[in-house]
Amino acid sequence: MSDKPYVHHQHAHCESGVTSNLLAHEGINISEPMAFGIGAGLFFGHLPMLKVSGVPGTTYRIWPGAIFKRVAQRLGVQIQAQKFSDPAKAMQALDDVLATGKPVGILGSVFYLPYLPEAFRFHFNAHNFVSYGKQEGDYLISDPVLEDMVTIAPADLIKSRFAKGFPEPKGYMYYITGTSKNMNMAKAIEQGIKQTCFFMLGPPLPWFGNKAIFNLANRISDYPKKLPPRKAALYLGNVVRMQEEIGTGGAGFRYIYAAFLQEAGQLLKRDDLLAFSEELTSIGDEWRHFAYSAARILKARQSDVVSYDELSELLRSCGNREKALFGKMRDLKW
């Protein structure tokens, strides 16, 4: 049983933050941007056929669980990950690991986490946080998006871990079982960048990667023509929320990934990575301008009206710049 105290660090994004915190507990100190980059967390997808809470699904990151697994694999860290169909078995499994002194990563719905402000509690089932122990029957929680550690009652934790809807967390939990002394950071960075470039440029379908940005741009220009005003605003609002709230760190994770490229450039002494970091930061600014402009439509501020067609063009500009950037990154010599 480990008696090493768990140390909480606040981060911008949940899964990369949990990954950084769990690794730090094992004596492996990598930043959140480094975890996000090695884990190839940056992605884009727009799935008009898949409705989440009545609106088309949009994502700016790779699917839940992938960042932690990829970082572990690339750094030679052994992990255990489990899903459950029975809540009682899921809670017992969590208790068993916590009893050994190991912190555990958990996937759940933010809607059932009473320690979060009510404004942030909506039906989003892909939130990651850590439980590092129990106290008087409640679970001790380290949520990377919060400044301080909190507690949660077992009943609320069960509701979060077994929330219905897409995606279903199914009691998913994960933790570290062993580490390697021979980590190759340069190789891990290279693999993370190559995979990100593949996921952004490789998918042939229009719903994934860089192609999906243009797909969404086309659909946004059609919103006022094909949808009632309220539904058009609902669809657009969800795109912005996924970018700026769920895509924590701002600009749909572009700033976090730019920070990774900067850190990787400094570590590997590569000016090309530093230049890519600056370019992606600039593209992130353009994504944020898109969000700001969309917000003006949603709030109907007549002093600075932006049309859906203008929003569409802003997205196309982001898509074109990212296509060029990831193309250059894909062709890097290592």
Protein backbone atom coordinates (compact mmCIF):
# COMPACT_ATOMS: atom_id res chain seq x y z
CA MET A 1 0.00 0.00 0.00
CA SER A 2 1.31 3.41 -1.03
CA ASP A 3 1.42 6.13 1.61
CA LYS A 4 2.58 8.80 -0.82
CA PRO A 5 0.20 11.79 -0.53
CA TYR A 6 -1.69 12.73 -3.66
CA VAL A 7 -0.98 16.26 -4.92
CA HIS A 8 -3.69 18.12 -6.83
CA HIS A 9 -2.82 20.42 -9.75
CA GLN A 10 -5.38 22.48 -11.62
CA HIS A 11 -5.34 22.20 -15.41
CA ALA A 12 -7.26 23.49 -18.43
CA HIS A 13 -8.57 20.19 -19.83
CA CYS A 14 -9.88 17.21 -17.93
CA GLU A 15 -8.25 14.12 -19.50
CA SER A 16 -4.82 15.63 -20.19
CA GLY A 17 -4.96 17.15 -16.69
CA VAL A 18 -5.81 13.80 -15.10
CA THR A 19 -3.04 12.16 -17.13
CA SER A 20 -0.50 14.72 -15.93
CA ASN A 21 -1.65 14.38 -12.31
CA LEU A 22 -1.62 10.57 -12.28
CA LEU A 23 1.85 10.50 -13.83
CA ALA A 24 3.11 13.10 -11.33
CA HIS A 25 1.95 10.84 -8.50
CA GLU A 26 4.29 8.18 -9.93
CA GLY A 27 7.19 10.63 -10.15
CA ILE A 28 6.82 11.32 -13.89
CA ASN A 29 6.47 15.07 -14.28
CA ILE A 30 5.16 16.10 -17.67
CA SER A 31 3.03 19.15 -18.30
CA GLU A 32 -0.60 19.05 -19.39
CA PRO A 33 0.23 20.32 -22.93
CA MET A 34 2.93 17.63 -23.24
CA ALA A 35 0.41 14.96 -22.18
CA PHE A 36 -2.12 16.33 -24.67
CA GLY A 37 0.40 16.35 -27.52
CA ILE A 38 2.00 12.96 -26.87
CA GLY A 39 -1.52 11.55 -26.52
CA ALA A 40 -2.53 13.09 -29.89
CA GLY A 41 -5.52 14.75 -28.27
CA LEU A 42 -6.22 17.32 -31.00
CA PHE A 43 -8.95 16.36 -33.46
CA PHE A 44 -12.05 17.68 -35.16
CA GLY A 45 -15.29 15.98 -35.98
CA HIS A 46 -18.76 17.14 -36.97
CA LEU A 47 -21.46 14.47 -37.12
CA PRO A 48 -24.76 15.95 -38.31
CA MET A 49 -26.38 12.51 -38.29
CA LEU A 50 -25.51 11.98 -34.60
CA LYS A 51 -27.66 14.12 -32.35
CA VAL A 52 -26.48 14.80 -28.77
CA SER A 53 -29.21 16.45 -26.68
CA GLY A 54 -31.01 17.24 -29.92
CA VAL A 55 -28.12 18.97 -31.72
CA PRO A 56 -25.48 17.62 -34.15
CA GLY A 57 -22.37 16.31 -32.43
CA THR A 58 -19.21 18.38 -32.73
CA THR A 59 -15.89 17.49 -31.12
CA TYR A 60 -12.52 19.23 -31.01
CA ARG A 61 -10.67 16.37 -29.32
CA ILE A 62 -10.07 12.67 -29.73
CA TRP A 63 -12.43 10.18 -28.09
CA PRO A 64 -12.39 9.80 -24.27
CA GLY A 65 -9.70 7.54 -22.84
CA ALA A 66 -7.38 7.73 -25.83
CA ILE A 67 -5.04 10.42 -24.47
CA PHE A 68 -4.25 8.54 -21.25
CA LYS A 69 -3.75 5.21 -23.05
CA ARG A 70 -1.48 6.67 -25.73
CA VAL A 71 0.68 8.61 -23.28
CA ALA A 72 1.09 5.49 -21.16
CA GLN A 73 2.00 3.37 -24.18
CA ARG A 74 4.50 5.88 -25.54
CA LEU A 75 6.20 6.42 -22.19
CA GLY A 76 6.29 2.73 -21.25
CA VAL A 77 3.80 3.12 -18.38
CA GLN A 78 1.68 0.11 -17.42
CA ILE A 79 -2.00 0.82 -16.81
CA GLN A 80 -5.25 -0.91 -16.01
CA ALA A 81 -8.56 0.30 -17.49
CA GLN A 82 -11.99 -1.20 -16.86
CA LYS A 83 -15.65 -0.75 -17.78
CA PHE A 84 -18.59 -2.22 -15.90
CA SER A 85 -22.24 -3.10 -16.42
CA ASP A 86 -22.97 -3.40 -12.69
CA PRO A 87 -22.66 -0.19 -10.58
CA ALA A 88 -22.06 -2.17 -7.37
CA LYS A 89 -19.12 -4.01 -8.94
CA ALA A 90 -17.78 -0.75 -10.36
CA MET A 91 -17.80 0.93 -6.94
CA GLN A 92 -16.23 -2.12 -5.28
CA ALA A 93 -13.46 -2.18 -7.89
CA LEU A 94 -12.83 1.52 -7.24
CA ASP A 95 -12.70 0.93 -3.48
CA ASP A 96 -10.28 -1.96 -3.93
CA VAL A 97 -7.80 0.16 -5.88
CA LEU A 98 -8.14 3.15 -3.55
CA ALA A 99 -7.39 0.83 -0.63
CA THR A 100 -3.94 0.22 -2.13
CA GLY A 101 -3.24 3.97 -2.05
CA LYS A 102 -3.41 4.45 -5.82
CA PRO A 103 -5.36 7.38 -7.28
CA VAL A 104 -7.88 6.38 -9.94
CA GLY A 105 -9.00 8.21 -13.06
CA ILE A 106 -12.78 8.19 -13.58
CA LEU A 107 -15.01 9.00 -16.55
CA GLY A 108 -18.43 10.46 -15.79
CA SER A 109 -21.15 12.97 -16.56
CA VAL A 110 -20.73 16.54 -15.33
CA PHE A 111 -24.50 16.76 -14.85
CA TYR A 112 -24.32 14.58 -11.73
CA LEU A 113 -21.30 16.24 -10.08
CA PRO A 114 -22.80 18.50 -7.38
CA TYR A 115 -19.42 20.05 -6.56
CA LEU A 116 -19.47 21.84 -9.94
CA PRO A 117 -21.26 25.18 -10.31
CA GLU A 118 -24.78 24.65 -11.62
CA ALA A 119 -24.02 26.61 -14.80
CA PHE A 120 -21.49 23.95 -15.82
CA ARG A 121 -23.69 20.96 -15.07
CA PHE A 122 -25.21 19.76 -18.31
CA HIS A 123 -25.43 16.36 -20.01
CA PHE A 124 -21.81 15.84 -21.04
CA ASN A 125 -20.71 12.26 -20.35
CA ALA A 126 -16.99 12.48 -21.14
CA HIS A 127 -15.58 14.32 -18.12
CA ASN A 128 -12.43 12.93 -16.46
CA PHE A 129 -11.50 13.37 -12.81
CA VAL A 130 -9.54 11.56 -10.10
CA SER A 131 -10.56 9.89 -6.88
CA TYR A 132 -7.63 9.53 -4.51
CA GLY A 133 -9.28 8.12 -1.38
CA LYS A 134 -12.31 8.03 0.90
CA GLN A 135 -13.24 9.96 4.01
CA GLU A 136 -16.26 9.25 6.20
CA GLY A 137 -17.90 7.33 3.37
CA ASP A 138 -17.47 10.07 0.75
CA TYR A 139 -14.97 9.97 -2.09
CA LEU A 140 -12.07 12.43 -2.19
CA ILE A 141 -12.00 14.02 -5.64
CA SER A 142 -9.29 15.82 -7.58
CA ASP A 143 -11.01 17.41 -10.56
CA PRO A 144 -8.34 19.07 -12.73
CA VAL A 145 -10.63 21.92 -13.79
CA LEU A 146 -11.07 23.03 -10.16
CA GLU A 147 -8.62 24.95 -8.01
CA ASP A 148 -9.20 22.84 -4.89
CA MET A 149 -9.95 19.22 -4.07
CA VAL A 150 -13.55 18.29 -3.20
CA THR A 151 -15.66 15.35 -2.02
CA ILE A 152 -18.65 13.54 -3.50
CA ALA A 153 -21.25 11.19 -2.01
CA PRO A 154 -21.29 7.59 -3.35
CA ALA A 155 -24.81 7.98 -4.77
CA ASP A 156 -23.80 11.01 -6.84
CA LEU A 157 -20.64 9.32 -8.06
CA ILE A 158 -22.67 6.29 -9.20
CA LYS A 159 -25.05 8.56 -11.13
CA SER A 160 -22.12 10.25 -12.86
CA ARG A 161 -20.30 7.00 -13.67
CA PHE A 162 -23.43 5.36 -15.09
CA ALA A 163 -25.15 8.29 -16.82
CA LYS A 164 -27.24 7.43 -19.85
CA GLY A 165 -26.81 9.07 -23.22
CA PHE A 166 -23.92 9.29 -25.66
CA PRO A 167 -21.28 8.28 -24.85
CA GLU A 168 -22.18 6.08 -21.87
CA PRO A 169 -19.32 6.11 -19.32
CA LYS A 170 -20.20 2.57 -18.14
CA GLY A 171 -18.26 3.02 -14.91
CA TYR A 172 -14.99 3.49 -16.79
CA MET A 173 -11.95 3.82 -14.51
CA TYR A 174 -8.21 3.70 -15.09
CA TYR A 175 -5.00 3.80 -13.08
CA ILE A 176 -1.24 3.25 -13.30
CA THR A 177 0.20 -0.11 -12.27
CA GLY A 178 3.87 0.33 -13.20
CA THR A 179 6.40 2.70 -14.77
CA SER A 180 9.52 2.49 -16.91
CA LYS A 181 12.89 4.08 -16.24
CA ASN A 182 13.70 4.22 -19.95
CA MET A 183 11.31 6.82 -21.31
CA ASN A 184 12.10 8.17 -24.77
CA MET A 185 10.47 11.60 -24.81
CA ALA A 186 11.74 12.46 -28.29
CA LYS A 187 10.18 9.32 -29.76
CA ALA A 188 6.94 9.88 -27.84
CA ILE A 189 6.69 13.45 -29.17
CA GLU A 190 7.37 12.27 -32.72
CA GLN A 191 4.69 9.57 -32.49
CA GLY A 192 2.18 12.01 -31.01
CA ILE A 193 2.72 14.58 -33.78
CA LYS A 194 2.56 11.98 -36.56
CA GLN A 195 -0.69 10.57 -35.23
CA THR A 196 -2.27 14.03 -34.88
CA CYS A 197 -1.36 14.84 -38.47
CA PHE A 198 -2.85 11.54 -39.63
CA PHE A 199 -6.11 12.11 -37.77
CA MET A 200 -6.41 15.68 -39.07
CA LEU A 201 -5.46 14.99 -42.70
CA GLY A 202 -6.01 11.27 -43.25
CA PRO A 203 -9.73 10.50 -42.82
CA PRO A 204 -11.43 10.26 -46.24
CA LEU A 205 -14.92 10.88 -44.84
CA PRO A 206 -16.22 14.47 -44.58
CA TRP A 207 -17.17 14.16 -40.90
CA PHE A 208 -13.65 13.77 -39.48
CA GLY A 209 -10.42 15.74 -39.41
CA ASN A 210 -9.72 18.81 -41.51
CA LYS A 211 -12.46 17.91 -44.04
CA ALA A 212 -15.04 18.19 -41.26
CA ILE A 213 -14.17 21.86 -40.71
CA PHE A 214 -15.27 22.63 -44.27
CA ASN A 215 -18.30 20.36 -43.87
CA LEU A 216 -19.36 22.39 -40.83
CA ALA A 217 -18.64 25.67 -42.65
CA ASN A 218 -21.01 24.64 -45.44
CA ARG A 219 -23.71 23.66 -42.97
CA ILE A 220 -23.44 26.88 -40.98
CA SER A 221 -24.10 28.94 -44.10
CA ASP A 222 -27.23 26.81 -44.62
CA TYR A 223 -28.54 27.14 -41.04
CA PRO A 224 -30.70 30.26 -41.59
CA LYS A 225 -32.02 28.86 -44.88
CA LYS A 226 -32.95 25.37 -43.69
CA LEU A 227 -33.66 25.78 -39.96
CA PRO A 228 -36.05 27.90 -37.89
CA PRO A 229 -34.17 30.79 -36.18
CA ARG A 230 -34.29 29.18 -32.74
CA LYS A 231 -32.91 25.85 -33.97
CA ALA A 232 -30.22 27.58 -36.05
CA ALA A 233 -29.09 29.45 -32.92
CA LEU A 234 -29.17 26.21 -30.90
CA TYR A 235 -26.99 24.40 -33.43
CA LEU A 236 -24.51 27.28 -33.66
CA GLY A 237 -24.44 27.74 -29.89
CA ASN A 238 -23.46 24.12 -29.38
CA VAL A 239 -20.55 24.43 -31.83
CA VAL A 240 -19.23 27.39 -29.83
CA ARG A 241 -19.82 25.71 -26.47
CA MET A 242 -17.90 22.61 -27.53
CA GLN A 243 -15.08 24.88 -28.74
CA GLU A 244 -14.75 27.28 -25.84
CA GLU A 245 -16.20 25.46 -22.81
CA ILE A 246 -15.69 21.75 -23.49
CA GLY A 247 -12.63 22.61 -25.58
CA THR A 248 -11.07 24.01 -22.45
CA GLY A 249 -8.01 26.13 -22.88
CA GLY A 250 -9.83 27.98 -25.64
CA ALA A 251 -10.04 27.81 -29.42
CA GLY A 252 -10.90 24.12 -29.44
CA PHE A 253 -7.63 23.01 -27.81
CA ARG A 254 -5.51 24.86 -30.38
CA TYR A 255 -3.76 26.87 -27.66
CA ILE A 256 -2.95 23.76 -25.62
CA TYR A 257 -1.52 22.02 -28.67
CA ALA A 258 0.49 25.14 -29.56
CA ALA A 259 1.93 25.09 -26.02
CA PHE A 260 2.89 21.44 -26.60
CA LEU A 261 4.68 22.32 -29.84
CA GLN A 262 6.54 25.13 -28.07
CA GLU A 263 7.62 22.87 -25.22
CA ALA A 264 8.60 20.10 -27.66
CA GLY A 265 10.58 22.59 -29.76
CA GLN A 266 12.51 23.78 -26.71
CA LEU A 267 13.13 20.24 -25.45
CA LEU A 268 14.29 18.91 -28.82
CA LYS A 269 15.96 22.19 -29.88
CA ARG A 270 13.87 22.37 -33.06
CA ASP A 271 13.08 25.78 -34.49
CA ASP A 272 10.52 24.28 -36.89
CA LEU A 273 8.34 23.13 -33.99
CA LEU A 274 8.61 26.58 -32.40
CA ALA A 275 7.48 28.16 -35.67
CA PHE A 276 4.55 25.73 -35.90
CA SER A 277 3.59 26.70 -32.35
CA GLU A 278 3.42 30.37 -33.31
CA GLU A 279 1.34 29.59 -36.40
CA LEU A 280 -1.14 27.42 -34.48
CA THR A 281 -1.49 30.11 -31.81
CA SER A 282 -2.41 32.55 -34.59
CA ILE A 283 -4.91 30.04 -36.00
CA GLY A 284 -6.30 29.64 -32.48
CA ASP A 285 -6.88 33.39 -32.40
CA GLU A 286 -8.90 33.03 -35.60
CA TRP A 287 -10.98 30.21 -34.07
CA ARG A 288 -11.63 32.47 -31.10
CA HIS A 289 -12.69 35.28 -33.45
CA PHE A 290 -15.15 32.83 -34.99
CA ALA A 291 -16.57 32.08 -31.52
CA TYR A 292 -16.82 35.80 -30.69
CA SER A 293 -18.58 36.53 -33.96
CA ALA A 294 -20.98 33.62 -33.43
CA ALA A 295 -21.78 34.93 -29.97
CA ARG A 296 -22.80 38.27 -31.49
CA ILE A 297 -25.30 36.47 -33.71
CA LEU A 298 -26.62 34.49 -30.76
CA LYS A 299 -27.05 37.66 -28.71
CA ALA A 300 -28.51 39.55 -31.70
CA ARG A 301 -26.35 42.62 -31.17
CA GLN A 302 -27.41 44.86 -34.01
CA SER A 303 -24.43 47.20 -33.59
CA ASP A 304 -22.10 44.58 -35.09
CA VAL A 305 -24.14 42.08 -37.06
CA VAL A 306 -22.26 39.11 -38.47
CA SER A 307 -23.96 36.84 -40.99
CA TYR A 308 -23.92 33.05 -41.05
CA ASP A 309 -22.13 33.30 -44.39
CA GLU A 310 -19.36 35.36 -42.77
CA LEU A 311 -19.04 32.74 -40.01
CA SER A 312 -18.74 30.10 -42.69
CA GLU A 313 -15.89 32.00 -44.34
CA LEU A 314 -14.09 32.38 -41.00
CA LEU A 315 -14.23 28.60 -40.55
CA ARG A 316 -12.96 27.99 -44.07
CA SER A 317 -10.00 30.25 -43.34
CA CYS A 318 -9.20 28.23 -40.19
CA GLY A 319 -9.53 25.01 -42.18
CA ASN A 320 -7.24 26.18 -44.98
CA ARG A 321 -4.56 27.39 -42.57
CA GLU A 322 -4.69 24.16 -40.55
CA LYS A 323 -4.50 22.03 -43.70
CA ALA A 324 -1.29 23.82 -44.66
CA LEU A 325 0.15 23.65 -41.15
CA PHE A 326 -0.52 19.95 -40.54
CA GLY A 327 0.77 19.21 -44.03
CA LYS A 328 4.11 20.77 -43.09
CA MET A 329 4.15 18.95 -39.77
CA ARG A 330 3.36 15.64 -41.48
CA ASP A 331 6.41 16.08 -43.72
CA LEU A 332 8.83 16.74 -40.85
CA LYS A 333 12.16 14.88 -40.88
CA TRP A 334 12.93 13.17 -37.57
